[in-house]
Amino acid sequence: MLYLDFAASSPLIPSVKEILIKTLDEEFANPSSAHRLGRDSSEKIEQVRETIADSLGAYKSEIIFTSGASESNNLAIKGYVLANKHKGKHIITSLIEHKCILAICHFLEKEYGYEITYISPKKNGIIDAQDVIDAMREDTVLVSIMHVNNELGSIQPIELIGKACFDKNIKFHVDAAQSYKKIAIDVDNLNIDMLSISAHKIYGPKGIGALYIRDLRETRIQPVIHGAGQEYGLRGGTLATPLILGFGAAVADDTIERNLDNIKKLNSFFRSKVTENGGIINSPNSDYIPHILNIRFPSFDASQFVANSDFICSQGSACSSMNIEISYVLREIGLNFDEGNQSIRVSLAHEITQNQLQEFIKNLKKGA
C-alpha cells in the first residue's frame, strides 16, 4: 500500500507520537485547576500557544485552541459577523473554498439573511484579487479566502486581498489548513485578521486546531461553544492537554520545511511522468504548493481506482446512492462531468520516492 492522501490527513511523526503517548499518561489534570498539576499543564499549554503564535508572527494572546480548522472557521466567520451585525451583512468568499466555509455561508444566508458574494476562480484555480476588491461594498463585514486550495494546491493572492481589506477596514479571514508550515505566514505582512489551522494536516493529532484572532481582547466575537470561560470566553470546554502538546510538537518539528525541496522535485517528476503517459494536469502550472497535484487520464474510472487500489489517494468526485457529481472545485475551473470523474488528487510527502510514483503511474494507466 502507498499512501498519497496527505492533504486529507497525515500520520504522526515520531516527535509528535512520543510526546502524545507520554502526555496521555501524565497530563491528566484539568489545566484550569488551581492545584499544582493543573498549573503545570496550563503552563505547558501556554508554551504551545506561544510556539504557534511565533510561527505566525502573532502574540500568544491571539491564539485560541479549537478542535480543528472546521471549528476555527465557524468561530471566525459566524462568531465575528453575528457579533458585528451593525457593521453590515455582506460577506465575500470564493466558489472553491472548503465545503466548511461554503456551508457556513449558506447557513448565514438562510438563517440570518446575509448576502454572500461568491467569487469565481480563473481556469487555473486561482482567484483574481481584483475580483474580490471589486466586490467590496460599504456593508461588507468580512472577506474569507483560503490560502491554498485543498483540491488543486493553487495559492491564492492573500497579500493583495489582505491589503485591500486593511485599506477598506474590512475583516479578513484565511483558512490556512493546507498552507500552514508549507508556506511562510506572517499575519501582519499579509494583513490577516483571523486564520484557521489544523494539527492533523502537519503530522499532528486529529481533534485539535487553532484560530488566530488579531487584537483578540478588543475584537467582538460571539462564541460558538459556550462554557465556563476557557479560551478568553470564546471556546468553552476543558482543554485537551495531550492533543495541544502534540500539536505543539508538530509545529516545532521542521520535517515539512526541511523536505520542501524534495517535495518540489517529486512534484516535478510526477508532473512529467503524468504528461508523458497521456495524463492531464488539472492543477495550475505556477503559484501552487508542490504537495498537491490534481490529475486526470482519459477513460479513467477514478471511483473504481480509489475504491479498489492499494494506492491511497482522493477521488475528484463525490458519490452518493442517488447520484454522482463531480467535485465543485473541478467544475468551477471548467471541467465537465466526464473529466471530473477521470480526476484524482495526489498529495505528496517526504517519505514518497520517485520509484513509488513511477509504479503508481503504471497502475493508473492500467485503469485508463
Protein backbone atom coordinates (compact mmCIF):
# COMPACT_ATOMS: atom_id res chain seq x y z
CA MET A 1 0.00 0.00 0.00
CA LEU A 2 1.19 3.51 -0.83
CA TYR A 3 -0.42 6.44 0.96
CA LEU A 4 -0.84 9.50 -1.27
CA ASP A 5 -3.55 11.41 0.61
CA PHE A 6 -1.55 13.63 2.95
CA ALA A 7 -3.75 16.65 2.16
CA ALA A 8 -6.67 14.79 3.74
CA SER A 9 -4.77 13.76 6.84
CA SER A 10 -1.22 12.88 7.81
CA PRO A 11 0.27 10.23 10.11
CA LEU A 12 2.01 11.16 13.33
CA ILE A 13 5.74 11.79 13.03
CA PRO A 14 7.97 10.29 15.77
CA SER A 15 8.46 13.56 17.70
CA VAL A 16 4.69 14.02 17.94
CA LYS A 17 3.89 10.40 18.73
CA GLU A 18 6.44 10.37 21.54
CA ILE A 19 5.05 13.42 23.31
CA LEU A 20 1.43 12.41 22.68
CA ILE A 21 1.88 8.98 24.27
CA LYS A 22 3.82 10.48 27.17
CA THR A 23 1.28 13.20 27.88
CA LEU A 24 -1.73 10.90 27.54
CA ASP A 25 -0.29 9.10 30.54
CA GLU A 26 0.97 12.09 32.52
CA GLU A 27 -1.11 15.17 31.67
CA PHE A 28 -4.48 14.05 33.04
CA ALA A 29 -5.10 17.04 35.30
CA ASN A 30 -7.56 19.75 34.30
CA PRO A 31 -5.41 22.71 33.14
CA SER A 32 -7.98 25.12 34.58
CA SER A 33 -7.47 23.76 38.09
CA ALA A 34 -5.71 25.84 40.74
CA HIS A 35 -3.60 22.96 42.09
CA ARG A 36 -0.02 22.27 41.07
CA LEU A 37 -0.76 19.62 38.44
CA GLY A 38 -3.33 21.86 36.78
CA ARG A 39 -0.96 24.82 36.82
CA ASP A 40 1.83 22.69 35.31
CA SER A 41 -0.43 21.62 32.45
CA SER A 42 -1.59 25.18 31.94
CA GLU A 43 1.99 26.42 31.67
CA LYS A 44 2.79 23.78 29.03
CA ILE A 45 -0.31 24.77 27.06
CA GLU A 46 0.78 28.41 27.16
CA GLN A 47 4.17 27.41 25.78
CA VAL A 48 2.45 25.76 22.82
CA ARG A 49 0.26 28.82 22.35
CA GLU A 50 3.42 30.89 22.13
CA THR A 51 5.04 28.43 19.70
CA ILE A 52 2.07 28.69 17.34
CA ALA A 53 1.92 32.47 17.71
CA ASP A 54 5.62 32.79 16.90
CA SER A 55 5.15 30.69 13.77
CA LEU A 56 2.56 33.21 12.53
CA GLY A 57 4.14 36.46 13.69
CA ALA A 58 1.36 36.86 16.26
CA TYR A 59 1.00 37.29 20.03
CA LYS A 60 0.15 34.24 22.11
CA SER A 61 -2.88 36.13 23.48
CA GLU A 62 -4.29 36.00 19.93
CA ILE A 63 -4.37 32.17 19.66
CA ILE A 64 -7.50 30.15 20.52
CA PHE A 65 -7.40 26.34 20.63
CA THR A 66 -10.23 24.55 18.82
CA SER A 67 -11.00 21.02 17.67
CA GLY A 68 -9.64 21.76 14.18
CA ALA A 69 -9.91 24.06 11.18
CA SER A 70 -13.66 23.48 10.73
CA GLU A 71 -14.41 24.74 14.22
CA SER A 72 -11.92 27.57 13.75
CA ASN A 73 -13.71 28.59 10.56
CA ASN A 74 -17.07 28.53 12.34
CA LEU A 75 -15.81 30.61 15.25
CA ALA A 76 -14.11 33.10 12.94
CA ILE A 77 -16.93 33.65 10.48
CA LYS A 78 -20.11 33.07 12.49
CA GLY A 79 -18.52 34.40 15.65
CA TYR A 80 -17.44 37.66 14.05
CA VAL A 81 -20.34 38.50 11.75
CA LEU A 82 -23.05 37.64 14.27
CA ALA A 83 -21.36 39.82 16.87
CA ASN A 84 -20.98 42.69 14.39
CA LYS A 85 -24.30 42.82 12.53
CA HIS A 86 -24.29 46.61 12.86
CA LYS A 87 -21.26 46.75 10.51
CA GLY A 88 -23.09 45.16 7.60
CA LYS A 89 -24.46 41.84 6.36
CA HIS A 90 -22.38 41.30 3.23
CA ILE A 91 -19.65 38.62 3.05
CA ILE A 92 -17.22 37.84 0.23
CA THR A 93 -15.80 34.37 -0.34
CA SER A 94 -14.99 32.16 -3.33
CA LEU A 95 -16.72 29.27 -5.07
CA ILE A 96 -13.74 26.97 -4.43
CA GLU A 97 -13.49 27.33 -0.66
CA HIS A 98 -13.52 24.25 1.55
CA LYS A 99 -17.02 22.83 1.99
CA CYS A 100 -16.96 24.02 5.59
CA ILE A 101 -16.74 27.67 4.53
CA LEU A 102 -19.48 27.28 1.93
CA ALA A 103 -21.72 25.54 4.48
CA ILE A 104 -21.21 28.38 6.98
CA CYS A 105 -22.06 30.98 4.33
CA HIS A 106 -25.17 29.09 3.25
CA PHE A 107 -26.26 28.91 6.90
CA LEU A 108 -25.81 32.64 7.36
CA GLU A 109 -27.71 33.31 4.14
CA LYS A 110 -30.64 31.11 5.11
CA GLU A 111 -30.93 31.78 8.83
CA TYR A 112 -29.75 35.39 9.19
CA GLY A 113 -30.27 36.97 5.78
CA TYR A 114 -26.62 37.65 4.99
CA GLU A 115 -25.75 38.38 1.37
CA ILE A 116 -22.80 36.38 0.11
CA THR A 117 -20.77 37.26 -2.98
CA TYR A 118 -19.08 34.13 -4.34
CA ILE A 119 -16.02 34.88 -6.48
CA SER A 120 -15.32 32.50 -9.39
CA PRO A 121 -11.75 31.27 -9.94
CA LYS A 122 -9.78 31.55 -13.14
CA LYS A 123 -9.17 28.38 -15.15
CA ASN A 124 -6.01 27.74 -13.15
CA GLY A 125 -7.93 27.61 -9.87
CA ILE A 126 -6.67 30.97 -8.65
CA ILE A 127 -8.91 33.81 -7.55
CA ASP A 128 -8.26 37.21 -9.15
CA ALA A 129 -7.64 39.64 -6.29
CA GLN A 130 -9.24 42.43 -8.32
CA ASP A 131 -12.50 40.46 -8.48
CA VAL A 132 -12.55 40.37 -4.68
CA ILE A 133 -11.71 44.07 -4.45
CA ASP A 134 -14.40 44.99 -6.98
CA ALA A 135 -16.97 43.08 -4.91
CA MET A 136 -16.24 45.08 -1.74
CA ARG A 137 -19.04 47.36 -0.55
CA GLU A 138 -19.80 49.74 2.29
CA ASP A 139 -21.69 46.97 4.09
CA THR A 140 -19.03 44.25 3.55
CA VAL A 141 -18.30 42.93 7.03
CA LEU A 142 -15.93 40.07 6.18
CA VAL A 143 -13.84 38.53 3.39
CA SER A 144 -12.91 34.84 3.71
CA ILE A 145 -10.49 33.36 1.15
CA MET A 146 -8.47 30.18 1.62
CA HIS A 147 -4.68 30.39 1.32
CA VAL A 148 -4.22 27.17 -0.67
CA ASN A 149 -6.97 25.22 -2.39
CA ASN A 150 -7.26 21.73 -0.95
CA GLU A 151 -8.01 20.01 -4.28
CA LEU A 152 -5.70 21.86 -6.68
CA GLY A 153 -2.90 23.18 -4.49
CA SER A 154 -3.35 26.65 -6.03
CA ILE A 155 -2.06 29.55 -3.95
CA GLN A 156 -4.47 32.46 -3.64
CA PRO A 157 -3.32 36.14 -3.71
CA ILE A 158 -3.75 36.60 0.02
CA GLU A 159 -1.35 39.52 0.32
CA LEU A 160 -3.19 41.64 -2.26
CA ILE A 161 -6.60 40.83 -0.81
CA GLY A 162 -5.36 41.47 2.73
CA LYS A 163 -4.02 44.91 1.81
CA ALA A 164 -7.35 45.85 0.20
CA CYS A 165 -9.25 44.67 3.28
CA PHE A 166 -6.93 46.69 5.51
CA ASP A 167 -7.37 49.81 3.38
CA LYS A 168 -11.16 49.45 3.47
CA ASN A 169 -11.36 48.43 7.15
CA ILE A 170 -12.89 45.02 6.33
CA LYS A 171 -12.01 41.97 8.42
CA PHE A 172 -10.09 39.29 6.53
CA HIS A 173 -10.28 35.59 7.41
CA VAL A 174 -8.00 32.94 5.87
CA ASP A 175 -8.35 29.17 6.02
CA ALA A 176 -4.70 28.09 6.12
CA ALA A 177 -5.20 24.38 6.79
CA GLN A 178 -3.34 23.40 3.61
CA SER A 179 -0.69 26.13 3.63
CA TYR A 180 0.46 26.21 7.25
CA LYS A 181 4.15 25.20 7.51
CA LYS A 182 4.28 24.73 3.71
CA ILE A 183 4.29 28.49 3.03
CA ALA A 184 5.73 31.08 5.40
CA ILE A 185 2.89 33.04 7.00
CA ASP A 186 3.21 36.41 8.74
CA VAL A 187 -0.22 37.69 9.68
CA ASP A 188 0.98 41.30 9.84
CA ASN A 189 2.66 41.29 6.43
CA LEU A 190 -0.40 39.63 4.89
CA ASN A 191 -2.91 41.80 6.81
CA ILE A 192 -4.79 38.72 8.03
CA ASP A 193 -7.25 39.33 10.87
CA MET A 194 -8.27 35.71 11.52
CA LEU A 195 -6.56 32.49 10.44
CA SER A 196 -7.54 28.83 10.85
CA ILE A 197 -5.11 25.90 11.16
CA SER A 198 -5.36 22.21 12.00
CA ALA A 199 -2.83 19.82 13.54
CA HIS A 200 -3.60 16.68 11.55
CA LYS A 201 -2.52 18.36 8.29
CA ILE A 202 1.03 18.79 9.66
CA TYR A 203 1.70 15.33 11.19
CA GLY A 204 -0.07 16.25 14.43
CA PRO A 205 -3.03 14.56 16.15
CA LYS A 206 -6.61 14.79 14.94
CA GLY A 207 -9.11 16.72 17.01
CA ILE A 208 -7.02 19.83 17.68
CA GLY A 209 -6.56 23.08 15.80
CA ALA A 210 -6.26 26.79 16.42
CA LEU A 211 -7.68 30.14 15.39
CA TYR A 212 -5.64 33.32 15.28
CA ILE A 213 -7.67 36.46 16.03
CA ARG A 214 -5.94 39.82 15.68
CA ASP A 215 -6.36 42.01 18.80
CA LEU A 216 -8.47 39.26 20.34
CA ARG A 217 -9.38 41.12 23.51
CA GLU A 218 -10.64 44.10 21.52
CA THR A 219 -12.49 42.16 18.82
CA ARG A 220 -16.18 41.35 19.23
CA ILE A 221 -16.63 37.59 18.71
CA GLN A 222 -19.71 35.57 19.59
CA PRO A 223 -18.75 32.13 20.96
CA VAL A 224 -19.91 29.08 19.04
CA ILE A 225 -19.35 26.83 22.07
CA HIS A 226 -20.36 28.40 25.38
CA GLY A 227 -18.73 27.07 28.52
CA ALA A 228 -17.02 28.04 31.73
CA GLY A 229 -14.86 30.83 30.34
CA GLN A 230 -11.96 28.89 28.86
CA GLU A 231 -10.04 30.40 25.92
CA TYR A 232 -10.86 34.00 26.81
CA GLY A 233 -14.54 33.07 26.98
CA LEU A 234 -14.65 32.29 23.25
CA ARG A 235 -14.47 28.50 23.32
CA GLY A 236 -15.82 26.61 26.30
CA GLY A 237 -14.67 23.17 27.39
CA THR A 238 -11.73 21.61 29.21
CA LEU A 239 -8.59 22.00 27.14
CA ALA A 240 -7.25 18.72 25.69
CA THR A 241 -3.73 18.96 27.08
CA PRO A 242 -2.19 15.91 25.31
CA LEU A 243 -3.60 16.98 21.92
CA ILE A 244 -2.39 20.53 22.39
CA LEU A 245 1.10 19.38 23.37
CA GLY A 246 1.12 17.04 20.37
CA PHE A 247 0.10 19.98 18.20
CA GLY A 248 2.97 21.99 19.64
CA ALA A 249 5.43 19.20 18.83
CA ALA A 250 4.19 19.13 15.22
CA VAL A 251 4.60 22.89 14.89
CA ALA A 252 8.10 22.81 16.38
CA ASP A 253 9.23 19.90 14.19
CA ASP A 254 10.89 21.03 10.94
CA THR A 255 10.15 17.89 8.90
CA ILE A 256 7.85 19.71 6.48
CA GLU A 257 10.09 22.73 5.98
CA ARG A 258 13.26 20.65 5.73
CA ASN A 259 11.83 18.47 2.96
CA LEU A 260 10.29 21.21 0.82
CA ASP A 261 12.96 20.93 -1.91
CA ASN A 262 12.46 17.18 -2.05
CA ILE A 263 8.69 17.63 -2.44
CA LYS A 264 9.30 20.10 -5.28
CA LYS A 265 11.45 17.53 -7.07
CA LEU A 266 8.81 14.83 -6.55
CA ASN A 267 6.11 17.15 -7.92
CA SER A 268 8.18 18.00 -10.98
CA PHE A 269 8.97 14.32 -11.60
CA PHE A 270 5.35 13.29 -11.18
CA ARG A 271 4.07 16.03 -13.49
CA SER A 272 6.47 14.96 -16.21
CA LYS A 273 5.53 11.27 -15.91
CA VAL A 274 1.79 12.05 -15.96
CA THR A 275 2.05 14.04 -19.18
CA GLU A 276 4.48 11.56 -20.77
CA ASN A 277 1.89 8.84 -20.22
CA GLY A 278 -1.04 10.74 -21.68
CA GLY A 279 -2.36 12.28 -18.49
CA ILE A 280 -3.51 15.86 -17.96
CA ILE A 281 -2.67 18.19 -15.07
CA ASN A 282 -5.70 19.92 -13.52
CA SER A 283 -3.57 21.85 -11.02
CA PRO A 284 -2.02 25.18 -12.10
CA ASN A 285 1.43 25.37 -13.69
CA SER A 286 2.51 28.17 -11.35
CA ASP A 287 1.52 29.57 -7.96
CA TYR A 288 0.93 26.20 -6.32
CA ILE A 289 2.29 24.24 -3.40
CA PRO A 290 4.15 21.12 -4.58
CA HIS A 291 2.41 18.89 -2.06
CA ILE A 292 -0.89 18.68 -4.00
CA LEU A 293 -1.40 17.63 -7.61
CA ASN A 294 -4.77 17.03 -9.29
CA ILE A 295 -4.56 14.93 -12.47
CA ARG A 296 -6.77 13.08 -14.92
CA PHE A 297 -6.45 10.38 -17.55
CA PRO A 298 -8.90 9.93 -20.45
CA SER A 299 -11.22 6.92 -19.97
CA PHE A 300 -10.01 6.56 -16.38
CA ASP A 301 -12.54 5.42 -13.76
CA ALA A 302 -11.48 7.35 -10.67
CA SER A 303 -14.14 5.90 -8.38
CA GLN A 304 -13.16 2.30 -9.13
CA PHE A 305 -9.46 3.06 -8.74
CA VAL A 306 -9.88 4.85 -5.40
CA ALA A 307 -12.17 2.15 -4.02
CA ASN A 308 -10.07 -0.85 -5.04
CA SER A 309 -6.43 0.22 -5.45
CA ASP A 310 -3.60 -0.23 -2.97
CA PHE A 311 -2.56 3.32 -3.90
CA ILE A 312 -4.41 5.54 -1.45
CA CYS A 313 -5.47 8.85 -2.99
CA SER A 314 -8.60 11.01 -3.24
CA GLN A 315 -11.27 11.00 -5.90
CA GLY A 316 -12.20 14.13 -7.82
CA SER A 317 -15.90 13.38 -7.44
CA ALA A 318 -18.37 12.92 -4.62
CA CYS A 319 -20.66 9.90 -4.77
CA SER A 320 -24.00 9.21 -3.12
CA SER A 321 -26.56 6.47 -3.50
CA MET A 322 -28.72 8.73 -5.66
CA ASN A 323 -26.29 10.45 -8.00
CA ILE A 324 -22.70 11.22 -8.85
CA GLU A 325 -21.48 14.77 -9.19
CA ILE A 326 -18.01 15.93 -10.00
CA SER A 327 -16.08 18.00 -7.49
CA TYR A 328 -17.45 21.54 -7.35
CA VAL A 329 -13.87 22.82 -7.47
CA LEU A 330 -13.16 21.00 -10.73
CA ARG A 331 -16.49 22.16 -12.11
CA GLU A 332 -15.64 25.77 -11.30
CA ILE A 333 -12.39 25.59 -13.28
CA GLY A 334 -14.26 24.32 -16.32
CA LEU A 335 -14.13 20.52 -16.20
CA ASN A 336 -17.17 18.65 -17.47
CA PHE A 337 -18.76 15.59 -15.87
CA ASP A 338 -16.57 13.02 -17.61
CA GLU A 339 -13.35 14.96 -16.99
CA GLY A 340 -14.22 15.37 -13.34
CA ASN A 341 -14.85 11.67 -12.94
CA GLN A 342 -11.49 10.90 -14.52
CA SER A 343 -9.69 13.03 -11.92
CA ILE A 344 -7.84 12.21 -8.73
CA ARG A 345 -5.94 14.27 -6.19
CA VAL A 346 -2.50 13.07 -5.21
CA SER A 347 -0.84 14.65 -2.18
CA LEU A 348 2.84 14.08 -1.52
CA ALA A 349 5.11 13.82 1.50
CA HIS A 350 8.81 13.35 2.11
CA GLU A 351 8.61 9.57 2.55
CA ILE A 352 7.46 9.06 -1.06
CA THR A 353 10.08 8.06 -3.66
CA GLN A 354 10.26 8.52 -7.43
CA ASN A 355 10.19 4.75 -7.90
CA GLN A 356 6.91 4.56 -5.98
CA LEU A 357 5.41 7.31 -8.13
CA GLN A 358 6.58 5.51 -11.25
CA GLU A 359 4.76 2.38 -10.09
CA PHE A 360 1.71 4.49 -9.30
CA ILE A 361 1.66 5.83 -12.87
CA LYS A 362 1.77 2.29 -14.24
CA ASN A 363 -1.28 1.37 -12.18
CA LEU A 364 -3.10 4.49 -13.25
CA LYS A 365 -2.52 3.59 -16.90
CA LYS A 366 -3.95 0.12 -16.33
CA GLY A 367 -7.16 1.73 -15.16
CA ALA A 368 -7.35 4.14 -18.10
